[in-house]
Amino acid sequence: MKILIIDEMHPSIVPMLSKQGHQVAYFPKITRAEILETVAEFEGMIIRSKTPMDRELLEKAVNLKFIGRAGAGLDQIDLDYMVERGVKLFHAAKGNRDAVAEHAVGGLLTLLNQLIKADSEVRKGIWDREGNRGHELKGKTVGIMGFGNMGRAFSKRLSGFGVKILAYDKYKVDFGSDAVQEVIWEKLKSEADILSIHVPLTAETRNFFTLEELVSFAKPFWLINTARGEVISFATLNTALDQGILRGAVLDVLENEKFKHFSPEQKAEFQKLAQRENVIFSPHVAGWTFESYEKINKVLAKKIRKAFSE
């Protein structure tokens, strides 16, 4: 098949697909206008998040048989229209699940032990032991919202920390184990000291975490979000932190990740959030390790081979 790659990928992707007999056009600098002009000649596309795979684009992709998403999120893809067209979708959540899990644990430990604050102070000659007293992870109850590839991988990384793990997934059942207790959402909210979010962005999850939802947790908790920023707004985070509903947050994703396109309200709320010592940011890199960069290619190549070798 002729396959168009529109985003930067680990260089191994071209030889992997070529070895399967495909003709690969690797154009990571291609614009949306150029994609619209040329997509009709391709039977496959591999994407990250350069441009939405919406109806406008898919209608022009008249020969398209599959889209490979080099990552986990599918919120920029018109899934209903793809089903209608019979276009296959492959995504590579297994390729970066370990990276996301490790990043979430690392962020949590950094937050609980105030490592960024402590590091900054020591560099300035401030030796404040009491002001940097931390919290132990052992003995805490960790709630996991969403128990797919990412949530499951995160739970495995927690196995040696002596924590109680509660997991909730609206669309899965019978996934509990000796290490993970499957619970309803209300049960998780009644016990969690820590909440880690591992859900996709959908109409249901967008702005799911309102202040009302956060208030319904039984006790103040630490929040980890390596999923999608749009599940909770800057304003809600600030209010919850001000009121002590949240004890701190690890944020790899943001409500709006394009700083130049912040609304005036978002700009003000983000500036307030950025001044907090109990909030840790990273630029949507939880799944973006050197190892996952290549593993994603292997996952996609394997799925493509399996789907079209029959």
Protein backbone atom coordinates (compact mmCIF):
# COMPACT_ATOMS: atom_id res chain seq x y z
CA MET A 1 0.00 0.00 0.00
CA LYS A 2 0.95 3.64 -0.36
CA ILE A 3 1.26 5.15 3.11
CA LEU A 4 1.52 8.85 3.93
CA ILE A 5 3.23 9.89 7.17
CA ILE A 6 2.39 13.48 8.07
CA ASP A 7 4.19 13.94 11.42
CA GLU A 8 7.69 13.53 12.82
CA MET A 9 8.32 9.88 13.69
CA HIS A 10 11.25 7.83 14.89
CA PRO A 11 13.28 7.09 11.72
CA SER A 12 12.71 3.35 12.13
CA ILE A 13 9.14 3.67 10.81
CA VAL A 14 10.10 3.89 7.13
CA PRO A 15 12.24 0.73 7.00
CA MET A 16 9.71 -1.15 9.14
CA LEU A 17 6.89 -0.45 6.70
CA SER A 18 9.06 -0.77 3.60
CA LYS A 19 10.08 -4.25 4.76
CA GLN A 20 6.39 -5.18 4.68
CA GLY A 21 6.28 -4.11 1.03
CA HIS A 22 4.59 -0.73 1.47
CA GLN A 23 5.50 2.46 -0.37
CA VAL A 24 6.13 5.08 2.29
CA ALA A 25 5.91 8.83 1.74
CA TYR A 26 7.45 10.50 4.78
CA PHE A 27 6.50 14.19 4.81
CA PRO A 28 6.60 15.45 8.41
CA LYS A 29 6.57 19.09 7.25
CA ILE A 30 3.50 18.71 5.05
CA THR A 31 0.74 21.29 5.55
CA ARG A 32 -2.97 20.58 5.84
CA ALA A 33 -3.56 22.17 2.45
CA GLU A 34 -0.99 19.83 0.91
CA ILE A 35 -2.55 16.83 2.66
CA LEU A 36 -5.95 17.72 1.22
CA GLU A 37 -4.42 17.94 -2.26
CA THR A 38 -2.58 14.61 -2.17
CA VAL A 39 -4.37 12.31 0.28
CA ALA A 40 -6.56 10.70 -2.40
CA GLU A 41 -3.61 8.69 -3.72
CA PHE A 42 -2.84 7.02 -0.39
CA GLU A 43 -4.31 3.91 1.19
CA GLY A 44 -2.81 4.49 4.61
CA MET A 45 -1.93 7.43 6.85
CA ILE A 46 0.18 7.63 9.97
CA ILE A 47 -0.42 10.65 12.16
CA ARG A 48 0.29 12.24 15.50
CA SER A 49 -1.67 15.43 16.11
CA LYS A 50 -0.71 17.84 13.32
CA THR A 51 -4.22 18.27 11.97
CA PRO A 52 -7.69 16.88 12.71
CA MET A 53 -8.77 13.80 10.81
CA ASP A 54 -12.19 15.36 10.24
CA ARG A 55 -14.84 14.74 7.62
CA GLU A 56 -13.38 17.34 5.25
CA LEU A 57 -10.07 15.50 5.10
CA LEU A 58 -11.46 11.98 5.19
CA GLU A 59 -13.86 12.65 2.33
CA LYS A 60 -10.88 13.48 0.13
CA ALA A 61 -9.08 10.29 1.22
CA VAL A 62 -11.12 8.18 -1.18
CA ASN A 63 -8.71 5.21 -1.18
CA LEU A 64 -7.97 5.23 2.53
CA LYS A 65 -7.95 1.84 4.25
CA PHE A 66 -6.42 2.76 7.60
CA ILE A 67 -5.14 5.49 9.87
CA GLY A 68 -2.35 4.74 12.33
CA ARG A 69 -2.25 7.07 15.33
CA ALA A 70 1.24 7.26 16.82
CA GLY A 71 -0.02 7.66 20.36
CA ALA A 72 -3.10 7.01 22.44
CA GLY A 73 -5.49 9.95 22.08
CA LEU A 74 -8.21 9.73 19.43
CA ASP A 75 -10.06 12.98 20.12
CA GLN A 76 -8.98 14.62 16.84
CA ILE A 77 -10.35 11.80 14.69
CA ASP A 78 -13.90 11.57 13.34
CA LEU A 79 -14.40 8.02 14.56
CA ASP A 80 -18.04 7.75 13.48
CA TYR A 81 -17.24 8.68 9.89
CA MET A 82 -14.33 6.26 9.82
CA VAL A 83 -16.68 3.45 10.86
CA GLU A 84 -19.15 4.57 8.21
CA ARG A 85 -16.40 4.43 5.59
CA GLY A 86 -14.97 1.14 6.84
CA VAL A 87 -11.56 2.69 7.47
CA LYS A 88 -9.51 0.82 10.07
CA LEU A 89 -7.96 2.66 12.99
CA PHE A 90 -4.78 1.58 14.75
CA HIS A 91 -3.39 3.38 17.74
CA ALA A 92 -0.26 2.76 19.74
CA ALA A 93 -1.19 3.12 23.39
CA LYS A 94 0.88 0.04 24.20
CA GLY A 95 3.92 1.85 22.84
CA ASN A 96 3.91 4.66 25.41
CA ARG A 97 1.98 3.22 28.35
CA ASP A 98 5.17 2.44 30.31
CA ALA A 99 6.46 5.96 29.74
CA VAL A 100 3.20 7.50 30.97
CA ALA A 101 3.12 5.25 34.03
CA GLU A 102 6.68 6.08 35.03
CA HIS A 103 6.12 9.80 34.48
CA ALA A 104 3.00 9.74 36.67
CA VAL A 105 4.86 7.98 39.49
CA GLY A 106 7.82 10.32 39.13
CA GLY A 107 5.61 13.39 39.25
CA LEU A 108 3.74 12.09 42.27
CA LEU A 109 6.93 11.37 44.24
CA THR A 110 8.32 14.77 43.28
CA LEU A 111 5.15 16.47 44.48
CA LEU A 112 4.86 14.54 47.75
CA ASN A 113 8.50 15.24 48.61
CA GLN A 114 8.55 18.87 47.44
CA LEU A 115 11.65 18.12 45.38
CA ILE A 116 11.36 21.06 42.97
CA LYS A 117 10.92 23.56 45.80
CA ALA A 118 13.74 21.99 47.81
CA ASP A 119 16.10 21.92 44.83
CA SER A 120 15.38 25.55 44.00
CA GLU A 121 15.99 26.68 47.59
CA VAL A 122 19.24 24.77 48.06
CA ARG A 123 20.60 26.27 44.84
CA LYS A 124 19.92 29.69 46.39
CA GLY A 125 21.71 28.78 49.61
CA ILE A 126 18.52 28.15 51.61
CA TRP A 127 18.73 25.09 53.89
CA ASP A 128 15.14 24.70 55.14
CA ARG A 129 14.57 21.12 56.29
CA GLU A 130 11.25 21.69 58.05
CA GLY A 131 9.81 23.70 55.18
CA ASN A 132 10.53 20.82 52.84
CA ARG A 133 9.21 17.97 54.95
CA GLY A 134 7.51 15.48 52.62
CA HIS A 135 4.76 12.89 52.65
CA GLU A 136 5.30 9.15 52.22
CA LEU A 137 3.44 7.36 49.46
CA LYS A 138 3.29 4.17 51.50
CA GLY A 139 -0.05 3.72 53.24
CA LYS A 140 -1.94 6.05 50.90
CA THR A 141 -4.99 5.07 48.86
CA VAL A 142 -4.48 5.74 45.16
CA GLY A 143 -7.52 6.05 42.93
CA ILE A 144 -7.17 5.39 39.21
CA MET A 145 -9.83 6.74 36.86
CA GLY A 146 -9.72 4.76 33.63
CA PHE A 147 -8.17 1.29 33.58
CA GLY A 148 -6.99 0.90 30.00
CA ASN A 149 -3.37 0.65 28.89
CA MET A 150 -2.24 3.70 30.86
CA GLY A 151 -4.18 3.09 34.05
CA ARG A 152 -3.15 -0.55 34.21
CA ALA A 153 0.52 0.30 33.62
CA PHE A 154 0.38 2.95 36.35
CA SER A 155 -1.09 0.44 38.81
CA LYS A 156 1.78 -1.97 38.11
CA ARG A 157 4.36 0.73 38.86
CA LEU A 158 2.72 1.33 42.22
CA SER A 159 2.93 -2.32 43.27
CA GLY A 160 6.07 -1.92 45.37
CA PHE A 161 5.01 1.19 47.27
CA GLY A 162 2.68 -0.36 49.82
CA VAL A 163 -0.40 1.54 48.66
CA LYS A 164 -4.04 0.56 48.36
CA ILE A 165 -5.15 0.83 44.73
CA LEU A 166 -8.76 1.52 43.76
CA ALA A 167 -9.66 1.61 40.07
CA TYR A 168 -12.80 2.83 38.34
CA ASP A 169 -13.64 2.41 34.66
CA LYS A 170 -17.12 3.15 33.36
CA TYR A 171 -16.68 0.84 30.38
CA LYS A 172 -14.83 -2.11 31.93
CA VAL A 173 -15.85 -4.81 34.40
CA ASP A 174 -14.15 -7.73 36.12
CA PHE A 175 -10.66 -6.24 35.85
CA GLY A 176 -9.86 -6.32 39.56
CA SER A 177 -7.03 -8.39 40.98
CA ASP A 178 -5.23 -9.05 44.25
CA ALA A 179 -3.36 -5.78 43.70
CA VAL A 180 -6.18 -3.61 42.32
CA GLN A 181 -9.67 -3.28 43.74
CA GLU A 182 -12.34 -2.57 41.11
CA VAL A 183 -14.78 -0.02 42.55
CA ILE A 184 -17.62 2.28 41.61
CA TRP A 185 -16.84 5.99 41.29
CA GLU A 186 -18.48 6.86 44.62
CA LYS A 187 -16.32 4.32 46.44
CA LEU A 188 -13.15 5.74 44.90
CA LYS A 189 -14.16 9.26 45.90
CA SER A 190 -14.83 8.18 49.46
CA GLU A 191 -11.33 6.78 50.04
CA ALA A 192 -8.76 8.27 47.65
CA ASP A 193 -5.79 10.26 48.92
CA ILE A 194 -4.49 10.50 45.35
CA LEU A 195 -6.32 10.47 42.02
CA SER A 196 -4.61 9.69 38.72
CA ILE A 197 -6.62 10.37 35.56
CA HIS A 198 -6.25 7.98 32.60
CA VAL A 199 -9.28 8.62 30.40
CA PRO A 200 -9.57 9.79 26.79
CA LEU A 201 -11.08 13.15 25.89
CA THR A 202 -14.72 12.63 24.95
CA ALA A 203 -17.97 14.53 25.31
CA GLU A 204 -18.37 12.78 28.67
CA THR A 205 -14.93 13.59 30.06
CA ARG A 206 -14.55 17.17 28.78
CA ASN A 207 -14.80 19.42 31.86
CA PHE A 208 -15.85 16.38 33.92
CA PHE A 209 -13.98 17.66 36.93
CA THR A 210 -16.09 20.59 37.95
CA LEU A 211 -15.70 22.14 41.38
CA GLU A 212 -18.88 20.32 42.42
CA GLU A 213 -17.32 17.00 41.41
CA LEU A 214 -14.12 17.71 43.32
CA VAL A 215 -16.01 18.79 46.43
CA SER A 216 -17.74 15.40 46.46
CA PHE A 217 -14.47 13.64 47.34
CA ALA A 218 -14.45 12.70 51.01
CA LYS A 219 -11.06 14.24 51.78
CA PRO A 220 -8.46 16.53 50.24
CA PHE A 221 -6.36 14.72 47.63
CA TRP A 222 -3.45 15.04 45.25
CA LEU A 223 -4.30 15.03 41.54
CA ILE A 224 -2.27 13.58 38.66
CA ASN A 225 -3.32 14.31 35.09
CA THR A 226 -1.32 12.73 32.27
CA ALA A 227 -4.42 12.19 30.12
CA ARG A 228 -6.09 15.26 28.62
CA GLY A 229 -6.05 18.78 30.01
CA GLU A 230 -9.57 19.57 28.92
CA VAL A 231 -11.04 17.36 31.66
CA ILE A 232 -10.41 20.17 34.18
CA SER A 233 -10.05 23.92 33.72
CA PHE A 234 -7.40 26.25 35.10
CA ALA A 235 -10.09 28.09 37.05
CA THR A 236 -11.37 24.91 38.68
CA LEU A 237 -7.86 23.85 39.63
CA ASN A 238 -7.14 27.21 41.23
CA THR A 239 -10.37 27.30 43.20
CA ALA A 240 -9.92 23.73 44.41
CA LEU A 241 -6.34 24.47 45.48
CA ASP A 242 -7.39 27.71 47.19
CA GLN A 243 -10.11 25.90 49.12
CA GLY A 244 -7.89 22.98 50.10
CA ILE A 245 -9.95 20.48 48.12
CA LEU A 246 -6.79 19.64 46.20
CA ARG A 247 -3.53 19.25 48.11
CA GLY A 248 -1.47 19.59 44.95
CA ALA A 249 -1.39 18.60 41.30
CA VAL A 250 0.88 16.96 38.73
CA LEU A 251 -0.09 18.32 35.31
CA ASP A 252 1.45 16.97 32.13
CA VAL A 253 -1.50 18.29 30.12
CA LEU A 254 -3.35 21.60 30.17
CA GLU A 255 -6.79 22.92 29.33
CA ASN A 256 -5.11 24.89 26.54
CA GLU A 257 -1.57 23.92 25.53
CA LYS A 258 -1.05 26.81 23.12
CA PHE A 259 0.10 29.67 25.31
CA LYS A 260 -0.26 32.23 22.54
CA HIS A 261 -3.93 31.35 22.18
CA PHE A 262 -4.94 31.71 25.84
CA SER A 263 -8.11 33.67 26.46
CA PRO A 264 -7.66 36.56 28.94
CA GLU A 265 -9.27 34.38 31.65
CA GLN A 266 -7.03 31.41 30.87
CA LYS A 267 -3.94 33.62 30.95
CA ALA A 268 -4.83 35.01 34.36
CA GLU A 269 -5.72 31.62 35.81
CA PHE A 270 -2.61 29.95 34.41
CA GLN A 271 -0.35 32.65 35.83
CA LYS A 272 -1.92 32.04 39.23
CA LEU A 273 -1.49 28.30 38.85
CA ALA A 274 2.14 28.69 37.79
CA GLN A 275 2.99 30.51 41.01
CA ARG A 276 1.99 27.57 43.18
CA GLU A 277 4.71 25.41 44.73
CA ASN A 278 2.35 22.45 45.03
CA VAL A 279 1.73 22.24 41.27
CA ILE A 280 4.18 20.50 38.94
CA PHE A 281 4.04 21.00 35.18
CA SER A 282 5.52 19.19 32.19
CA PRO A 283 4.81 19.92 28.49
CA HIS A 284 2.71 16.88 27.53
CA VAL A 285 5.73 14.59 27.54
CA ALA A 286 4.60 11.75 29.82
CA GLY A 287 4.49 9.35 26.88
CA TRP A 288 7.33 11.02 25.00
CA THR A 289 10.47 9.11 25.95
CA PHE A 290 13.32 8.02 23.70
CA GLU A 291 12.17 4.45 24.20
CA SER A 292 8.47 5.02 23.53
CA TYR A 293 9.32 7.00 20.39
CA GLU A 294 10.56 3.78 18.81
CA LYS A 295 8.17 1.37 20.54
CA ILE A 296 5.19 3.24 19.04
CA ASN A 297 6.51 2.40 15.56
CA LYS A 298 6.81 -1.27 16.40
CA VAL A 299 3.23 -1.38 17.71
CA LEU A 300 1.83 0.31 14.60
CA ALA A 301 3.86 -1.78 12.15
CA LYS A 302 2.73 -4.98 13.86
CA LYS A 303 -0.94 -3.95 13.75
CA ILE A 304 -0.72 -2.98 10.07
CA ARG A 305 0.97 -6.25 9.17
CA LYS A 306 -1.58 -8.31 11.09
CA ALA A 307 -4.58 -6.51 9.59
CA PHE A 308 -3.48 -6.69 5.96
CA SER A 309 -1.55 -9.94 5.71
CA GLU A 310 -4.64 -12.13 5.65
